[in-house]
N, C-alpha and C. Protein backbone atom coordinates (compact mmCIF):
# COMPACT_ATOMS: atom_id res chain seq x y z
N MET A 1 79.94 67.17 -66.85
CA MET A 1 79.48 67.60 -65.54
C MET A 1 80.32 68.81 -65.13
N PRO A 2 79.67 69.89 -64.72
CA PRO A 2 80.42 71.09 -64.30
C PRO A 2 81.29 70.79 -63.06
N ALA A 3 82.38 71.52 -62.95
CA ALA A 3 83.32 71.31 -61.85
C ALA A 3 82.66 71.53 -60.49
N ALA A 4 81.80 72.53 -60.38
CA ALA A 4 81.14 72.81 -59.10
C ALA A 4 80.26 71.65 -58.69
N LEU A 5 79.58 71.03 -59.64
CA LEU A 5 78.73 69.88 -59.33
C LEU A 5 79.56 68.68 -58.92
N ARG A 6 80.71 68.48 -59.57
CA ARG A 6 81.62 67.39 -59.18
C ARG A 6 82.14 67.59 -57.76
N ILE A 7 82.51 68.81 -57.42
CA ILE A 7 83.01 69.10 -56.07
C ILE A 7 81.91 68.88 -55.04
N ALA A 8 80.69 69.29 -55.34
CA ALA A 8 79.57 69.09 -54.41
C ALA A 8 79.30 67.61 -54.22
N ALA A 9 79.34 66.82 -55.30
CA ALA A 9 79.10 65.38 -55.20
C ALA A 9 80.20 64.71 -54.38
N LEU A 10 81.44 65.10 -54.62
CA LEU A 10 82.56 64.54 -53.86
C LEU A 10 82.46 64.89 -52.38
N THR A 11 82.08 66.11 -52.07
CA THR A 11 81.90 66.53 -50.68
C THR A 11 80.80 65.73 -50.01
N LEU A 12 79.70 65.52 -50.70
CA LEU A 12 78.59 64.74 -50.15
C LEU A 12 79.01 63.29 -49.91
N LEU A 13 79.72 62.70 -50.86
CA LEU A 13 80.21 61.33 -50.68
C LEU A 13 81.16 61.21 -49.50
N THR A 14 82.05 62.17 -49.36
CA THR A 14 82.99 62.15 -48.24
C THR A 14 82.25 62.27 -46.92
N GLY A 15 81.24 63.12 -46.86
CA GLY A 15 80.46 63.28 -45.63
C GLY A 15 79.70 62.04 -45.27
N LEU A 16 79.22 61.31 -46.26
CA LEU A 16 78.49 60.07 -45.99
C LEU A 16 79.42 58.93 -45.62
N ALA A 17 80.66 58.99 -46.06
CA ALA A 17 81.59 57.89 -45.88
C ALA A 17 82.30 57.92 -44.54
N ALA A 18 82.26 59.01 -43.81
CA ALA A 18 82.95 59.09 -42.53
C ALA A 18 81.95 59.42 -41.45
N GLY A 19 82.13 58.84 -40.30
CA GLY A 19 81.21 59.12 -39.21
C GLY A 19 81.83 58.80 -37.87
N CYS A 20 81.30 59.44 -36.88
CA CYS A 20 81.74 59.22 -35.51
C CYS A 20 80.57 59.54 -34.61
N PHE A 21 80.26 58.65 -33.67
CA PHE A 21 79.23 58.98 -32.71
C PHE A 21 79.63 58.46 -31.34
N THR A 22 79.19 59.19 -30.33
CA THR A 22 79.52 58.83 -28.96
C THR A 22 78.64 57.69 -28.51
N VAL A 23 79.25 56.65 -27.97
CA VAL A 23 78.53 55.50 -27.46
C VAL A 23 78.17 55.73 -26.00
N GLY A 24 79.07 56.37 -25.23
CA GLY A 24 78.78 56.61 -23.83
C GLY A 24 79.90 57.34 -23.11
N HIS A 25 79.59 57.77 -21.89
CA HIS A 25 80.55 58.41 -21.00
C HIS A 25 80.60 57.56 -19.73
N LEU A 26 81.80 57.23 -19.28
CA LEU A 26 81.97 56.40 -18.09
C LEU A 26 82.81 57.15 -17.06
N ALA A 27 82.35 57.15 -15.83
CA ALA A 27 83.10 57.82 -14.76
C ALA A 27 84.34 57.03 -14.38
N PHE A 28 84.27 55.70 -14.45
CA PHE A 28 85.38 54.84 -14.04
C PHE A 28 85.30 53.56 -14.83
N VAL A 29 86.43 53.11 -15.39
CA VAL A 29 86.45 51.86 -16.15
C VAL A 29 87.82 51.21 -16.01
N THR A 30 87.82 49.87 -15.93
CA THR A 30 89.06 49.11 -15.90
C THR A 30 88.80 47.71 -16.42
N THR A 31 89.81 47.04 -16.90
CA THR A 31 89.72 45.64 -17.31
C THR A 31 90.56 44.77 -16.39
N ARG A 32 91.12 45.36 -15.35
CA ARG A 32 92.03 44.65 -14.46
C ARG A 32 91.42 44.48 -13.09
N ASN A 33 91.83 43.43 -12.40
CA ASN A 33 91.32 43.16 -11.05
C ASN A 33 91.94 44.10 -10.04
N GLY A 34 91.16 44.51 -9.07
CA GLY A 34 91.65 45.29 -7.95
C GLY A 34 92.30 46.60 -8.30
N PRO A 35 91.56 47.54 -8.91
CA PRO A 35 92.19 48.84 -9.21
C PRO A 35 92.63 49.52 -7.92
N SER A 36 93.78 50.12 -7.97
CA SER A 36 94.27 50.80 -6.78
C SER A 36 94.28 52.30 -7.02
N ALA A 37 94.11 53.04 -5.97
CA ALA A 37 94.18 54.50 -6.07
C ALA A 37 95.65 54.88 -6.16
N SER A 38 96.01 55.49 -7.25
CA SER A 38 97.39 55.85 -7.47
C SER A 38 97.59 57.32 -7.16
N GLY A 39 98.72 57.67 -6.60
CA GLY A 39 99.01 59.06 -6.29
C GLY A 39 99.59 59.81 -7.47
N SER A 40 99.86 59.11 -8.58
CA SER A 40 100.47 59.76 -9.73
C SER A 40 99.46 60.62 -10.47
N ASP A 41 99.98 61.59 -11.22
CA ASP A 41 99.11 62.44 -12.02
C ASP A 41 98.53 61.63 -13.17
N PRO A 42 97.22 61.79 -13.44
CA PRO A 42 96.62 61.05 -14.55
C PRO A 42 97.11 61.56 -15.90
N ARG A 43 97.17 60.66 -16.87
CA ARG A 43 97.55 61.01 -18.24
C ARG A 43 96.33 60.80 -19.13
N HIS A 44 96.07 61.73 -20.03
CA HIS A 44 94.97 61.59 -20.98
C HIS A 44 95.46 60.74 -22.14
N VAL A 45 94.80 59.60 -22.36
CA VAL A 45 95.24 58.66 -23.39
C VAL A 45 94.06 58.24 -24.26
N ARG A 46 94.41 57.56 -25.34
CA ARG A 46 93.42 57.06 -26.30
C ARG A 46 93.79 55.63 -26.65
N GLY A 47 92.79 54.76 -26.66
CA GLY A 47 92.97 53.37 -27.09
C GLY A 47 91.89 53.02 -28.08
N GLN A 48 92.20 52.09 -28.99
CA GLN A 48 91.19 51.73 -29.98
C GLN A 48 91.27 50.26 -30.34
N SER A 49 90.16 49.74 -30.81
CA SER A 49 90.06 48.39 -31.35
C SER A 49 89.34 48.52 -32.69
N CYS A 50 89.98 48.07 -33.77
CA CYS A 50 89.46 48.32 -35.12
C CYS A 50 89.30 47.03 -35.92
N VAL A 51 88.50 47.13 -36.98
CA VAL A 51 88.37 46.05 -37.96
C VAL A 51 88.34 46.69 -39.35
N PRO A 52 89.11 46.13 -40.30
CA PRO A 52 89.01 46.62 -41.67
C PRO A 52 87.73 46.09 -42.31
N LEU A 53 87.16 46.88 -43.20
CA LEU A 53 85.95 46.49 -43.92
C LEU A 53 86.29 46.37 -45.40
N ILE A 54 85.92 45.26 -46.00
CA ILE A 54 86.11 45.06 -47.43
C ILE A 54 84.71 44.98 -48.04
N VAL A 55 84.43 45.87 -48.95
CA VAL A 55 83.10 46.09 -49.53
C VAL A 55 82.17 46.46 -48.38
N VAL A 56 81.44 45.53 -47.80
CA VAL A 56 80.63 45.81 -46.61
C VAL A 56 80.87 44.80 -45.50
N PHE A 57 81.84 43.90 -45.70
CA PHE A 57 82.06 42.81 -44.75
C PHE A 57 83.31 43.05 -43.90
N PRO A 58 83.24 42.74 -42.59
CA PRO A 58 84.44 42.87 -41.75
C PRO A 58 85.47 41.81 -42.14
N ALA A 59 86.73 42.22 -42.19
CA ALA A 59 87.82 41.32 -42.55
C ALA A 59 88.61 40.97 -41.30
N GLY A 60 87.96 40.30 -40.37
CA GLY A 60 88.60 39.92 -39.12
C GLY A 60 87.60 40.00 -37.99
N PRO A 61 88.09 39.81 -36.77
CA PRO A 61 87.18 39.88 -35.62
C PRO A 61 86.64 41.30 -35.46
N LEU A 62 85.39 41.39 -34.98
CA LEU A 62 84.76 42.69 -34.77
C LEU A 62 85.48 43.47 -33.68
N PRO A 63 85.38 44.80 -33.72
CA PRO A 63 86.02 45.61 -32.68
C PRO A 63 85.45 45.25 -31.31
N ASN A 64 86.30 45.33 -30.31
CA ASN A 64 85.93 44.93 -28.96
C ASN A 64 86.19 46.08 -28.01
N LEU A 65 85.19 46.47 -27.23
CA LEU A 65 85.33 47.58 -26.30
C LEU A 65 86.38 47.29 -25.23
N ALA A 66 86.42 46.06 -24.73
CA ALA A 66 87.42 45.70 -23.71
C ALA A 66 88.84 45.83 -24.26
N ASP A 67 89.04 45.48 -25.53
CA ASP A 67 90.37 45.63 -26.14
C ASP A 67 90.76 47.09 -26.25
N ALA A 68 89.79 47.96 -26.56
CA ALA A 68 90.07 49.39 -26.65
C ALA A 68 90.44 49.96 -25.28
N VAL A 69 89.73 49.53 -24.23
CA VAL A 69 90.05 49.99 -22.86
C VAL A 69 91.44 49.49 -22.47
N GLU A 70 91.73 48.23 -22.76
CA GLU A 70 93.04 47.66 -22.41
C GLU A 70 94.16 48.39 -23.15
N ALA A 71 93.95 48.76 -24.41
CA ALA A 71 94.96 49.50 -25.17
C ALA A 71 95.22 50.86 -24.53
N ALA A 72 94.17 51.52 -24.06
CA ALA A 72 94.33 52.82 -23.40
C ALA A 72 95.07 52.66 -22.07
N LEU A 73 94.75 51.62 -21.31
CA LEU A 73 95.43 51.40 -20.03
C LEU A 73 96.91 51.10 -20.24
N ARG A 74 97.23 50.33 -21.28
CA ARG A 74 98.65 50.07 -21.60
C ARG A 74 99.35 51.36 -22.00
N ALA A 75 98.69 52.18 -22.81
CA ALA A 75 99.30 53.44 -23.28
C ALA A 75 99.57 54.38 -22.11
N GLY A 76 98.66 54.37 -21.13
CA GLY A 76 98.84 55.25 -19.97
C GLY A 76 99.58 54.61 -18.83
N GLU A 77 99.97 53.34 -18.99
CA GLU A 77 100.69 52.59 -17.96
C GLU A 77 99.99 52.69 -16.61
N GLY A 78 98.68 52.46 -16.63
CA GLY A 78 97.90 52.54 -15.39
C GLY A 78 96.98 51.35 -15.22
N ARG A 79 96.20 51.40 -14.15
CA ARG A 79 95.29 50.30 -13.82
C ARG A 79 93.84 50.67 -14.01
N ALA A 80 93.51 51.96 -14.06
CA ALA A 80 92.12 52.38 -14.16
C ALA A 80 92.02 53.68 -14.95
N MET A 81 90.86 53.88 -15.56
CA MET A 81 90.61 55.09 -16.34
C MET A 81 89.39 55.81 -15.77
N ARG A 82 89.53 57.12 -15.66
CA ARG A 82 88.43 57.96 -15.18
C ARG A 82 88.02 58.90 -16.31
N ASN A 83 86.75 59.35 -16.22
CA ASN A 83 86.19 60.31 -17.19
C ASN A 83 86.39 59.81 -18.62
N ALA A 84 86.05 58.57 -18.85
CA ALA A 84 86.24 57.96 -20.18
C ALA A 84 85.08 58.31 -21.11
N VAL A 85 85.42 58.51 -22.37
CA VAL A 85 84.43 58.72 -23.43
C VAL A 85 84.63 57.60 -24.44
N VAL A 86 83.54 56.91 -24.77
CA VAL A 86 83.58 55.80 -25.72
C VAL A 86 82.89 56.24 -27.00
N ARG A 87 83.59 56.08 -28.14
CA ARG A 87 83.02 56.45 -29.43
C ARG A 87 83.18 55.29 -30.40
N PHE A 88 82.31 55.28 -31.42
CA PHE A 88 82.49 54.38 -32.55
C PHE A 88 82.77 55.24 -33.75
N GLU A 89 83.90 54.99 -34.42
CA GLU A 89 84.30 55.78 -35.58
C GLU A 89 84.28 54.88 -36.81
N LEU A 90 83.73 55.41 -37.90
CA LEU A 90 83.64 54.66 -39.13
C LEU A 90 84.17 55.51 -40.28
N ALA A 91 85.11 54.98 -41.02
CA ALA A 91 85.60 55.60 -42.24
C ALA A 91 85.36 54.59 -43.35
N TYR A 92 84.52 54.94 -44.32
CA TYR A 92 84.07 53.97 -45.30
C TYR A 92 83.86 54.62 -46.66
N VAL A 93 84.39 54.02 -47.68
CA VAL A 93 84.13 54.42 -49.06
C VAL A 93 83.13 53.40 -49.60
N PRO A 94 81.93 53.84 -49.98
CA PRO A 94 80.88 52.88 -50.38
C PRO A 94 81.34 51.88 -51.43
N PHE A 95 81.07 50.62 -51.14
CA PHE A 95 81.36 49.48 -52.00
C PHE A 95 82.85 49.28 -52.31
N VAL A 96 83.72 49.91 -51.54
CA VAL A 96 85.16 49.70 -51.67
C VAL A 96 85.69 49.12 -50.36
N GLY A 97 85.57 49.86 -49.29
CA GLY A 97 86.04 49.38 -48.00
C GLY A 97 86.27 50.52 -47.04
N GLY A 98 86.78 50.18 -45.87
CA GLY A 98 87.02 51.18 -44.86
C GLY A 98 87.48 50.54 -43.57
N ARG A 99 87.12 51.19 -42.46
CA ARG A 99 87.56 50.74 -41.14
C ARG A 99 86.55 51.20 -40.10
N GLY A 100 86.21 50.33 -39.15
CA GLY A 100 85.35 50.67 -38.03
C GLY A 100 86.09 50.43 -36.73
N CYS A 101 86.00 51.39 -35.79
CA CYS A 101 86.77 51.30 -34.55
C CYS A 101 85.95 51.72 -33.34
N TYR A 102 86.15 51.02 -32.22
CA TYR A 102 85.76 51.55 -30.92
C TYR A 102 86.96 52.36 -30.43
N VAL A 103 86.72 53.58 -29.96
CA VAL A 103 87.78 54.45 -29.46
C VAL A 103 87.41 54.85 -28.04
N VAL A 104 88.35 54.70 -27.12
CA VAL A 104 88.16 55.07 -25.72
C VAL A 104 89.21 56.12 -25.37
N GLU A 105 88.77 57.27 -24.83
CA GLU A 105 89.67 58.31 -24.37
C GLU A 105 89.34 58.63 -22.92
N GLY A 106 90.38 58.85 -22.13
CA GLY A 106 90.16 59.21 -20.74
C GLY A 106 91.47 59.43 -20.01
N ASP A 107 91.35 59.63 -18.69
CA ASP A 107 92.50 59.89 -17.83
C ASP A 107 92.88 58.59 -17.11
N VAL A 108 94.10 58.13 -17.36
CA VAL A 108 94.59 56.88 -16.77
C VAL A 108 95.53 57.20 -15.62
N SER A 109 95.31 56.48 -14.52
CA SER A 109 96.23 56.62 -13.38
C SER A 109 96.47 55.25 -12.76
């Protein structure tokens, strides 16, 4: 097989094996009771909840959106997140394994 064809096949496989798509945009999100308006400057943070994939099967509990939000709130040391973007990211090598994650990014205050 010529080298150029091998490189093209590898590039195609890599493109098929990784993906990311936006699930939604949220103006305000929290997992805690009674969010308070904080006077502090918001911090842009990222939280995620992931599951490893073996062949095509999840090796553990499925990713949870609430866990991803809670991870972001802990990282930002806040009670609420504004302007949040929720994505699902998948990195997968066919018939070997990979990882699927809910990812939440936003401003925590």
